[in-house]
Amino acid sequence: MTNTEVYILGQKYTIKGDASEEHIKELSRYIDEKIQEVLSAAPTVSPLKALILTSFSIAEEIYKLRAEQEDIAKGMEEKTAELTSLFF
């Protein structure tokens, strides 16, 4: 397990995890960028609200990617069944 120091909104955090230091830093940069986007769009929002809005934004990205992945898997299953039927 590694300890990695990162900065989000100018605050220093020590993140402990099994991922590489570079991966943890990459994730923290992504999070910081997303928070900055929210703050740029709504500069009067509090940092806590910006974090909550950022969480929703990232959750939506994950939700969409999962739905796309399920659609791709379903399409592959259908194509596999179609191709299999051609051989039998």
PDB file of N, CA and C in Angstrom:
ATOM      1  N   MET A   1       0.857  -1.172   0.000  1.00  0.00           N
ATOM      2  CA  MET A   1       0.000   0.000   0.000  1.00  0.00           C
ATOM      3  C   MET A   1       0.902   1.233   0.000  1.00  0.00           C
ATOM      4  N   THR A   2       0.537   2.187  -0.858  1.00  0.00           N
ATOM      5  CA  THR A   2       1.344   3.392  -0.971  1.00  0.00           C
ATOM      6  C   THR A   2       0.639   4.582  -0.337  1.00  0.00           C
ATOM      7  N   ASN A   3       1.440   5.524   0.117  1.00  0.00           N
ATOM      8  CA  ASN A   3       0.946   6.817   0.606  1.00  0.00           C
ATOM      9  C   ASN A   3       1.348   7.859  -0.433  1.00  0.00           C
ATOM     10  N   THR A   4       0.364   8.555  -0.972  1.00  0.00           N
ATOM     11  CA  THR A   4       0.634   9.535  -2.012  1.00  0.00           C
ATOM     12  C   THR A   4       0.042  10.870  -1.605  1.00  0.00           C
ATOM     13  N   GLU A   5       0.851  11.906  -1.659  1.00  0.00           N
ATOM     14  CA  GLU A   5       0.367  13.245  -1.350  1.00  0.00           C
ATOM     15  C   GLU A   5      -0.182  13.880  -2.622  1.00  0.00           C
ATOM     16  N   VAL A   6      -1.402  14.395  -2.520  1.00  0.00           N
ATOM     17  CA  VAL A   6      -2.051  15.054  -3.653  1.00  0.00           C
ATOM     18  C   VAL A   6      -2.643  16.376  -3.188  1.00  0.00           C
ATOM     19  N   TYR A   7      -2.957  17.215  -4.154  1.00  0.00           N
ATOM     20  CA  TYR A   7      -3.592  18.505  -3.853  1.00  0.00           C
ATOM     21  C   TYR A   7      -4.904  18.599  -4.621  1.00  0.00           C
ATOM     22  N   ILE A   8      -5.958  18.911  -3.887  1.00  0.00           N
ATOM     23  CA  ILE A   8      -7.266  19.140  -4.472  1.00  0.00           C
ATOM     24  C   ILE A   8      -7.786  20.447  -3.893  1.00  0.00           C
ATOM     25  N   LEU A   9      -8.126  21.374  -4.791  1.00  0.00           N
ATOM     26  CA  LEU A   9      -8.530  22.732  -4.390  1.00  0.00           C
ATOM     27  C   LEU A   9      -7.487  23.379  -3.475  1.00  0.00           C
ATOM     28  N   GLY A  10      -6.225  23.106  -3.764  1.00  0.00           N
ATOM     29  CA  GLY A  10      -5.145  23.698  -2.991  1.00  0.00           C
ATOM     30  C   GLY A  10      -4.907  23.061  -1.636  1.00  0.00           C
ATOM     31  N   GLN A  11      -5.711  22.077  -1.287  1.00  0.00           N
ATOM     32  CA  GLN A  11      -5.559  21.382  -0.009  1.00  0.00           C
ATOM     33  C   GLN A  11      -4.730  20.117  -0.224  1.00  0.00           C
ATOM     34  N   LYS A  12      -3.825  19.876   0.689  1.00  0.00           N
ATOM     35  CA  LYS A  12      -2.977  18.691   0.605  1.00  0.00           C
ATOM     36  C   LYS A  12      -3.657  17.515   1.303  1.00  0.00           C
ATOM     37  N   TYR A  13      -3.683  16.365   0.622  1.00  0.00           N
ATOM     38  CA  TYR A  13      -4.248  15.143   1.174  1.00  0.00           C
ATOM     39  C   TYR A  13      -3.256  14.005   0.989  1.00  0.00           C
ATOM     40  N   THR A  14      -3.221  13.101   1.938  1.00  0.00           N
ATOM     41  CA  THR A  14      -2.430  11.889   1.789  1.00  0.00           C
ATOM     42  C   THR A  14      -3.400  10.749   1.511  1.00  0.00           C
ATOM     43  N   ILE A  15      -3.237  10.146   0.355  1.00  0.00           N
ATOM     44  CA  ILE A  15      -4.112   9.061  -0.079  1.00  0.00           C
ATOM     45  C   ILE A  15      -3.355   7.747   0.073  1.00  0.00           C
ATOM     46  N   LYS A  16      -3.972   6.814   0.767  1.00  0.00           N
ATOM     47  CA  LYS A  16      -3.385   5.485   0.923  1.00  0.00           C
ATOM     48  C   LYS A  16      -4.134   4.536   0.007  1.00  0.00           C
ATOM     49  N   GLY A  17      -3.404   3.756  -0.771  1.00  0.00           N
ATOM     50  CA  GLY A  17      -4.076   2.830  -1.669  1.00  0.00           C
ATOM     51  C   GLY A  17      -3.121   1.860  -2.309  1.00  0.00           C
ATOM     52  N   ASP A  18      -3.698   0.885  -2.993  1.00  0.00           N
ATOM     53  CA  ASP A  18      -2.903  -0.132  -3.673  1.00  0.00           C
ATOM     54  C   ASP A  18      -2.469   0.303  -5.061  1.00  0.00           C
ATOM     55  N   ALA A  19      -3.097   1.336  -5.588  1.00  0.00           N
ATOM     56  CA  ALA A  19      -2.754   1.828  -6.927  1.00  0.00           C
ATOM     57  C   ALA A  19      -1.393   2.516  -6.894  1.00  0.00           C
ATOM     58  N   SER A  20      -0.803   2.646  -8.075  1.00  0.00           N
ATOM     59  CA  SER A  20       0.496   3.308  -8.161  1.00  0.00           C
ATOM     60  C   SER A  20       0.362   4.788  -7.804  1.00  0.00           C
ATOM     61  N   GLU A  21       1.462   5.362  -7.395  1.00  0.00           N
ATOM     62  CA  GLU A  21       1.473   6.790  -7.041  1.00  0.00           C
ATOM     63  C   GLU A  21       1.028   7.633  -8.228  1.00  0.00           C
ATOM     64  N   GLU A  22       1.498   7.300  -9.416  1.00  0.00           N
ATOM     65  CA  GLU A  22       1.128   8.061 -10.608  1.00  0.00           C
ATOM     66  C   GLU A  22      -0.369   7.964 -10.884  1.00  0.00           C
ATOM     67  N   HIS A  23      -0.940   6.795 -10.702  1.00  0.00           N
ATOM     68  CA  HIS A  23      -2.379   6.624 -10.933  1.00  0.00           C
ATOM     69  C   HIS A  23      -3.190   7.460  -9.933  1.00  0.00           C
ATOM     70  N   ILE A  24      -2.789   7.435  -8.673  1.00  0.00           N
ATOM     71  CA  ILE A  24      -3.488   8.216  -7.649  1.00  0.00           C
ATOM     72  C   ILE A  24      -3.384   9.705  -7.964  1.00  0.00           C
ATOM     73  N   LYS A  25      -2.207  10.146  -8.399  1.00  0.00           N
ATOM     74  CA  LYS A  25      -2.039  11.555  -8.758  1.00  0.00           C
ATOM     75  C   LYS A  25      -2.877  11.920  -9.981  1.00  0.00           C
ATOM     76  N   GLU A  26      -2.967  11.003 -10.937  1.00  0.00           N
ATOM     77  CA  GLU A  26      -3.782  11.240 -12.119  1.00  0.00           C
ATOM     78  C   GLU A  26      -5.253  11.375 -11.733  1.00  0.00           C
ATOM     79  N   LEU A  27      -5.730  10.512 -10.850  1.00  0.00           N
ATOM     80  CA  LEU A  27      -7.112  10.601 -10.378  1.00  0.00           C
ATOM     81  C   LEU A  27      -7.356  11.919  -9.647  1.00  0.00           C
ATOM     82  N   SER A  28      -6.416  12.316  -8.813  1.00  0.00           N
ATOM     83  CA  SER A  28      -6.601  13.566  -8.066  1.00  0.00           C
ATOM     84  C   SER A  28      -6.620  14.767  -8.999  1.00  0.00           C
ATOM     85  N   ARG A  29      -5.809  14.737 -10.054  1.00  0.00           N
ATOM     86  CA  ARG A  29      -5.841  15.835 -11.034  1.00  0.00           C
ATOM     87  C   ARG A  29      -7.201  15.884 -11.736  1.00  0.00           C
ATOM     88  N   TYR A  30      -7.718  14.707 -12.063  1.00  0.00           N
ATOM     89  CA  TYR A  30      -9.026  14.635 -12.712  1.00  0.00           C
ATOM     90  C   TYR A  30     -10.107  15.214 -11.793  1.00  0.00           C
ATOM     91  N   ILE A  31     -10.097  14.800 -10.550  1.00  0.00           N
ATOM     92  CA  ILE A  31     -11.074  15.299  -9.578  1.00  0.00           C
ATOM     93  C   ILE A  31     -10.946  16.807  -9.426  1.00  0.00           C
ATOM     94  N   ASP A  32      -9.723  17.293  -9.282  1.00  0.00           N
ATOM     95  CA  ASP A  32      -9.497  18.730  -9.122  1.00  0.00           C
ATOM     96  C   ASP A  32     -10.007  19.493 -10.345  1.00  0.00           C
ATOM     97  N   GLU A  33      -9.752  18.973 -11.546  1.00  0.00           N
ATOM     98  CA  GLU A  33     -10.229  19.626 -12.763  1.00  0.00           C
ATOM     99  C   GLU A  33     -11.754  19.683 -12.797  1.00  0.00           C
ATOM    100  N   LYS A  34     -12.400  18.584 -12.412  1.00  0.00           N
ATOM    101  CA  LYS A  34     -13.861  18.546 -12.409  1.00  0.00           C
ATOM    102  C   LYS A  34     -14.433  19.546 -11.409  1.00  0.00           C
ATOM    103  N   ILE A  35     -13.818  19.638 -10.233  1.00  0.00           N
ATOM    104  CA  ILE A  35     -14.276  20.606  -9.235  1.00  0.00           C
ATOM    105  C   ILE A  35     -14.093  22.027  -9.766  1.00  0.00           C
ATOM    106  N   GLN A  36     -12.957  22.291 -10.399  1.00  0.00           N
ATOM    107  CA  GLN A  36     -12.695  23.621 -10.958  1.00  0.00           C
ATOM    108  C   GLN A  36     -13.724  23.975 -12.034  1.00  0.00           C
ATOM    109  N   GLU A  37     -14.145  22.976 -12.835  1.00  0.00           N
ATOM    110  CA  GLU A  37     -15.184  23.218 -13.841  1.00  0.00           C
ATOM    111  C   GLU A  37     -16.485  23.665 -13.176  1.00  0.00           C
ATOM    112  N   VAL A  38     -16.849  22.989 -12.107  1.00  0.00           N
ATOM    113  CA  VAL A  38     -18.076  23.351 -11.385  1.00  0.00           C
ATOM    114  C   VAL A  38     -17.945  24.753 -10.811  1.00  0.00           C
ATOM    115  N   LEU A  39     -16.807  25.042 -10.192  1.00  0.00           N
ATOM    116  CA  LEU A  39     -16.608  26.361  -9.597  1.00  0.00           C
ATOM    117  C   LEU A  39     -16.571  27.469 -10.650  1.00  0.00           C
ATOM    118  N   SER A  40     -16.067  27.149 -11.839  1.00  0.00           N
ATOM    119  CA  SER A  40     -16.054  28.140 -12.917  1.00  0.00           C
ATOM    120  C   SER A  40     -17.471  28.433 -13.402  1.00  0.00           C
ATOM    121  N   ALA A  41     -18.290  27.383 -13.456  1.00  0.00           N
ATOM    122  CA  ALA A  41     -19.669  27.560 -13.921  1.00  0.00           C
ATOM    123  C   ALA A  41     -20.540  28.229 -12.871  1.00  0.00           C
ATOM    124  N   ALA A  42     -20.206  28.012 -11.609  1.00  0.00           N
ATOM    125  CA  ALA A  42     -21.001  28.572 -10.506  1.00  0.00           C
ATOM    126  C   ALA A  42     -20.046  29.088  -9.424  1.00  0.00           C
ATOM    127  N   PRO A  43     -19.428  30.236  -9.661  1.00  0.00           N
ATOM    128  CA  PRO A  43     -18.382  30.728  -8.747  1.00  0.00           C
ATOM    129  C   PRO A  43     -18.850  31.052  -7.331  1.00  0.00           C
ATOM    130  N   THR A  44     -20.141  31.225  -7.138  1.00  0.00           N
ATOM    131  CA  THR A  44     -20.612  31.569  -5.798  1.00  0.00           C
ATOM    132  C   THR A  44     -20.956  30.342  -4.953  1.00  0.00           C
ATOM    133  N   VAL A  45     -20.879  29.161  -5.560  1.00  0.00           N
ATOM    134  CA  VAL A  45     -21.216  27.944  -4.825  1.00  0.00           C
ATOM    135  C   VAL A  45     -20.099  27.623  -3.820  1.00  0.00           C
ATOM    136  N   SER A  46     -20.482  27.074  -2.689  1.00  0.00           N
ATOM    137  CA  SER A  46     -19.489  26.727  -1.664  1.00  0.00           C
ATOM    138  C   SER A  46     -18.658  25.525  -2.121  1.00  0.00           C
ATOM    139  N   PRO A  47     -17.464  25.386  -1.582  1.00  0.00           N
ATOM    140  CA  PRO A  47     -16.644  24.215  -1.945  1.00  0.00           C
ATOM    141  C   PRO A  47     -17.358  22.887  -1.675  1.00  0.00           C
ATOM    142  N   LEU A  48     -18.105  22.811  -0.577  1.00  0.00           N
ATOM    143  CA  LEU A  48     -18.835  21.574  -0.278  1.00  0.00           C
ATOM    144  C   LEU A  48     -19.867  21.278  -1.363  1.00  0.00           C
ATOM    145  N   LYS A  49     -20.629  22.277  -1.763  1.00  0.00           N
ATOM    146  CA  LYS A  49     -21.617  22.074  -2.826  1.00  0.00           C
ATOM    147  C   LYS A  49     -20.924  21.734  -4.142  1.00  0.00           C
ATOM    148  N   ALA A  50     -19.772  22.352  -4.392  1.00  0.00           N
ATOM    149  CA  ALA A  50     -19.009  22.032  -5.601  1.00  0.00           C
ATOM    150  C   ALA A  50     -18.573  20.571  -5.587  1.00  0.00           C
ATOM    151  N   LEU A  51     -18.167  20.070  -4.431  1.00  0.00           N
ATOM    152  CA  LEU A  51     -17.779  18.665  -4.312  1.00  0.00           C
ATOM    153  C   LEU A  51     -18.968  17.746  -4.559  1.00  0.00           C
ATOM    154  N   ILE A  52     -20.128  18.112  -4.033  1.00  0.00           N
ATOM    155  CA  ILE A  52     -21.327  17.293  -4.231  1.00  0.00           C
ATOM    156  C   ILE A  52     -21.722  17.301  -5.706  1.00  0.00           C
ATOM    157  N   LEU A  53     -21.716  18.470  -6.329  1.00  0.00           N
ATOM    158  CA  LEU A  53     -22.053  18.553  -7.749  1.00  0.00           C
ATOM    159  C   LEU A  53     -21.043  17.782  -8.596  1.00  0.00           C
ATOM    160  N   THR A  54     -19.783  17.850  -8.215  1.00  0.00           N
ATOM    161  CA  THR A  54     -18.744  17.098  -8.925  1.00  0.00           C
ATOM    162  C   THR A  54     -18.973  15.604  -8.768  1.00  0.00           C
ATOM    163  N   SER A  55     -19.367  15.180  -7.587  1.00  0.00           N
ATOM    164  CA  SER A  55     -19.662  13.758  -7.357  1.00  0.00           C
ATOM    165  C   SER A  55     -20.786  13.292  -8.265  1.00  0.00           C
ATOM    166  N   PHE A  56     -21.828  14.101  -8.393  1.00  0.00           N
ATOM    167  CA  PHE A  56     -22.926  13.752  -9.286  1.00  0.00           C
ATOM    168  C   PHE A  56     -22.452  13.687 -10.738  1.00  0.00           C
ATOM    169  N   SER A  57     -21.613  14.613 -11.118  1.00  0.00           N
ATOM    170  CA  SER A  57     -21.100  14.632 -12.493  1.00  0.00           C
ATOM    171  C   SER A  57     -20.290  13.370 -12.787  1.00  0.00           C
ATOM    172  N   ILE A  58     -19.408  13.009 -11.887  1.00  0.00           N
ATOM    173  CA  ILE A  58     -18.588  11.809 -12.080  1.00  0.00           C
ATOM    174  C   ILE A  58     -19.451  10.552 -12.023  1.00  0.00           C
ATOM    175  N   ALA A  59     -20.427  10.524 -11.115  1.00  0.00           N
ATOM    176  CA  ALA A  59     -21.337   9.377 -11.036  1.00  0.00           C
ATOM    177  C   ALA A  59     -22.112   9.235 -12.344  1.00  0.00           C
ATOM    178  N   GLU A  60     -22.529  10.343 -12.938  1.00  0.00           N
ATOM    179  CA  GLU A  60     -23.242  10.300 -14.213  1.00  0.00           C
ATOM    180  C   GLU A  60     -22.347   9.741 -15.314  1.00  0.00           C
ATOM    181  N   GLU A  61     -21.084  10.145 -15.329  1.00  0.00           N
ATOM    182  CA  GLU A  61     -20.138   9.597 -16.302  1.00  0.00           C
ATOM    183  C   GLU A  61     -20.034   8.084 -16.152  1.00  0.00           C
ATOM    184  N   ILE A  62     -19.896   7.617 -14.924  1.00  0.00           N
ATOM    185  CA  ILE A  62     -19.790   6.180 -14.658  1.00  0.00           C
ATOM    186  C   ILE A  62     -21.068   5.473 -15.096  1.00  0.00           C
ATOM    187  N   TYR A  63     -22.204   6.040 -14.748  1.00  0.00           N
ATOM    188  CA  TYR A  63     -23.501   5.451 -15.091  1.00  0.00           C
ATOM    189  C   TYR A  63     -23.623   5.297 -16.611  1.00  0.00           C
ATOM    190  N   LYS A  64     -23.276   6.348 -17.360  1.00  0.00           N
ATOM    191  CA  LYS A  64     -23.353   6.290 -18.820  1.00  0.00           C
ATOM    192  C   LYS A  64     -22.393   5.253 -19.385  1.00  0.00           C
ATOM    193  N   LEU A  65     -21.169   5.207 -18.857  1.00  0.00           N
ATOM    194  CA  LEU A  65     -20.191   4.233 -19.340  1.00  0.00           C
ATOM    195  C   LEU A  65     -20.645   2.802 -19.071  1.00  0.00           C
ATOM    196  N   ARG A  66     -21.240   2.572 -17.923  1.00  0.00           N
ATOM    197  CA  ARG A  66     -21.763   1.231 -17.616  1.00  0.00           C
ATOM    198  C   ARG A  66     -22.890   0.855 -18.568  1.00  0.00           C
ATOM    199  N   ALA A  67     -23.778   1.799 -18.842  1.00  0.00           N
ATOM    200  CA  ALA A  67     -24.880   1.533 -19.768  1.00  0.00           C
ATOM    201  C   ALA A  67     -24.331   1.230 -21.162  1.00  0.00           C
ATOM    202  N   GLU A  68     -23.335   1.995 -21.602  1.00  0.00           N
ATOM    203  CA  GLU A  68     -22.714   1.748 -22.899  1.00  0.00           C
ATOM    204  C   GLU A  68     -22.048   0.373 -22.927  1.00  0.00           C
ATOM    205  N   GLN A  69     -21.375   0.021 -21.839  1.00  0.00           N
ATOM    206  CA  GLN A  69     -20.710  -1.278 -21.749  1.00  0.00           C
ATOM    207  C   GLN A  69     -21.732  -2.416 -21.820  1.00  0.00           C
ATOM    208  N   GLU A  70     -22.852  -2.246 -21.136  1.00  0.00           N
ATOM    209  CA  GLU A  70     -23.912  -3.258 -21.181  1.00  0.00           C
ATOM    210  C   GLU A  70     -24.484  -3.380 -22.590  1.00  0.00           C
ATOM    211  N   ASP A  71     -24.680  -2.255 -23.270  1.00  0.00           N
ATOM    212  CA  ASP A  71     -25.176  -2.283 -24.645  1.00  0.00           C
ATOM    213  C   ASP A  71     -24.194  -3.002 -25.566  1.00  0.00           C
ATOM    214  N   ILE A  72     -22.910  -2.725 -25.395  1.00  0.00           N
ATOM    215  CA  ILE A  72     -21.885  -3.378 -26.207  1.00  0.00           C
ATOM    216  C   ILE A  72     -21.873  -4.879 -25.936  1.00  0.00           C
ATOM    217  N   ALA A  73     -21.927  -5.260 -24.657  1.00  0.00           N
ATOM    218  CA  ALA A  73     -21.931  -6.686 -24.307  1.00  0.00           C
ATOM    219  C   ALA A  73     -23.161  -7.380 -24.886  1.00  0.00           C
ATOM    220  N   LYS A  74     -24.311  -6.729 -24.800  1.00  0.00           N
ATOM    221  CA  LYS A  74     -25.545  -7.302 -25.344  1.00  0.00           C
ATOM    222  C   LYS A  74     -25.424  -7.452 -26.853  1.00  0.00           C
ATOM    223  N   GLY A  75     -24.891  -6.444 -27.510  1.00  0.00           N
ATOM    224  CA  GLY A  75     -24.692  -6.509 -28.961  1.00  0.00           C
ATOM    225  C   GLY A  75     -23.741  -7.623 -29.347  1.00  0.00           C
ATOM    226  N   MET A  76     -22.687  -7.806 -28.561  1.00  0.00           N
ATOM    227  CA  MET A  76     -21.735  -8.883 -28.841  1.00  0.00           C
ATOM    228  C   MET A  76     -22.390 -10.249 -28.666  1.00  0.00           C
ATOM    229  N   GLU A  77     -23.212 -10.385 -27.641  1.00  0.00           N
ATOM    230  CA  GLU A  77     -23.924 -11.647 -27.426  1.00  0.00           C
ATOM    231  C   GLU A  77     -24.850 -11.941 -28.595  1.00  0.00           C
ATOM    232  N   GLU A  78     -25.558 -10.921 -29.061  1.00  0.00           N
ATOM    233  CA  GLU A  78     -26.462 -11.106 -30.191  1.00  0.00           C
ATOM    234  C   GLU A  78     -25.696 -11.489 -31.449  1.00  0.00           C
ATOM    235  N   LYS A  79     -24.586 -10.805 -31.707  1.00  0.00           N
ATOM    236  CA  LYS A  79     -23.764 -11.113 -32.890  1.00  0.00           C
ATOM    237  C   LYS A  79     -23.167 -12.510 -32.773  1.00  0.00           C
ATOM    238  N   THR A  80     -22.732 -12.892 -31.569  1.00  0.00           N
ATOM    239  CA  THR A  80     -22.180 -14.225 -31.359  1.00  0.00           C
ATOM    240  C   THR A  80     -23.234 -15.293 -31.633  1.00  0.00           C
ATOM    241  N   ALA A  81     -24.432 -15.065 -31.144  1.00  0.00           N
ATOM    242  CA  ALA A  81     -25.525 -16.009 -31.383  1.00  0.00           C
ATOM    243  C   ALA A  81     -25.839 -16.087 -32.871  1.00  0.00           C
ATOM    244  N   GLU A  82     -25.845 -14.951 -33.528  1.00  0.00           N
ATOM    245  CA  GLU A  82     -26.114 -14.902 -34.971  1.00  0.00           C
ATOM    246  C   GLU A  82     -25.049 -15.672 -35.756  1.00  0.00           C
ATOM    247  N   LEU A  83     -23.779 -15.423 -35.420  1.00  0.00           N
ATOM    248  CA  LEU A  83     -22.680 -16.123 -36.104  1.00  0.00           C
ATOM    249  C   LEU A  83     -22.693 -17.614 -35.798  1.00  0.00           C
ATOM    250  N   THR A  84     -22.983 -17.956 -34.561  1.00  0.00           N
ATOM    251  CA  THR A  84     -23.046 -19.375 -34.173  1.00  0.00           C
ATOM    252  C   THR A  84     -24.126 -20.090 -34.956  1.00  0.00           C
ATOM    253  N   SER A  85     -25.250 -19.425 -35.167  1.00  0.00           N
ATOM    254  CA  SER A  85     -26.356 -20.044 -35.900  1.00  0.00           C
ATOM    255  C   SER A  85     -25.990 -20.313 -37.362  1.00  0.00           C
ATOM    256  N   LEU A  86     -25.064 -19.559 -37.884  1.00  0.00           N
ATOM    257  CA  LEU A  86     -24.624 -19.769 -39.271  1.00  0.00           C
ATOM    258  C   LEU A  86     -23.827 -21.058 -39.434  1.00  0.00           C
ATOM    259  N   PHE A  87     -23.199 -21.508 -38.345  1.00  0.00           N
ATOM    260  CA  PHE A  87     -22.374 -22.711 -38.407  1.00  0.00           C
ATOM    261  C   PHE A  87     -23.158 -23.980 -38.109  1.00  0.00           C
ATOM    262  N   PHE A  88     -24.340 -23.848 -37.533  1.00  0.00           N
ATOM    263  CA  PHE A  88     -25.083 -25.045 -37.138  1.00  0.00           C
ATOM    264  C   PHE A  88     -26.401 -25.112 -37.820  1.00  0.00           C
TER     265      PHE A  88
END
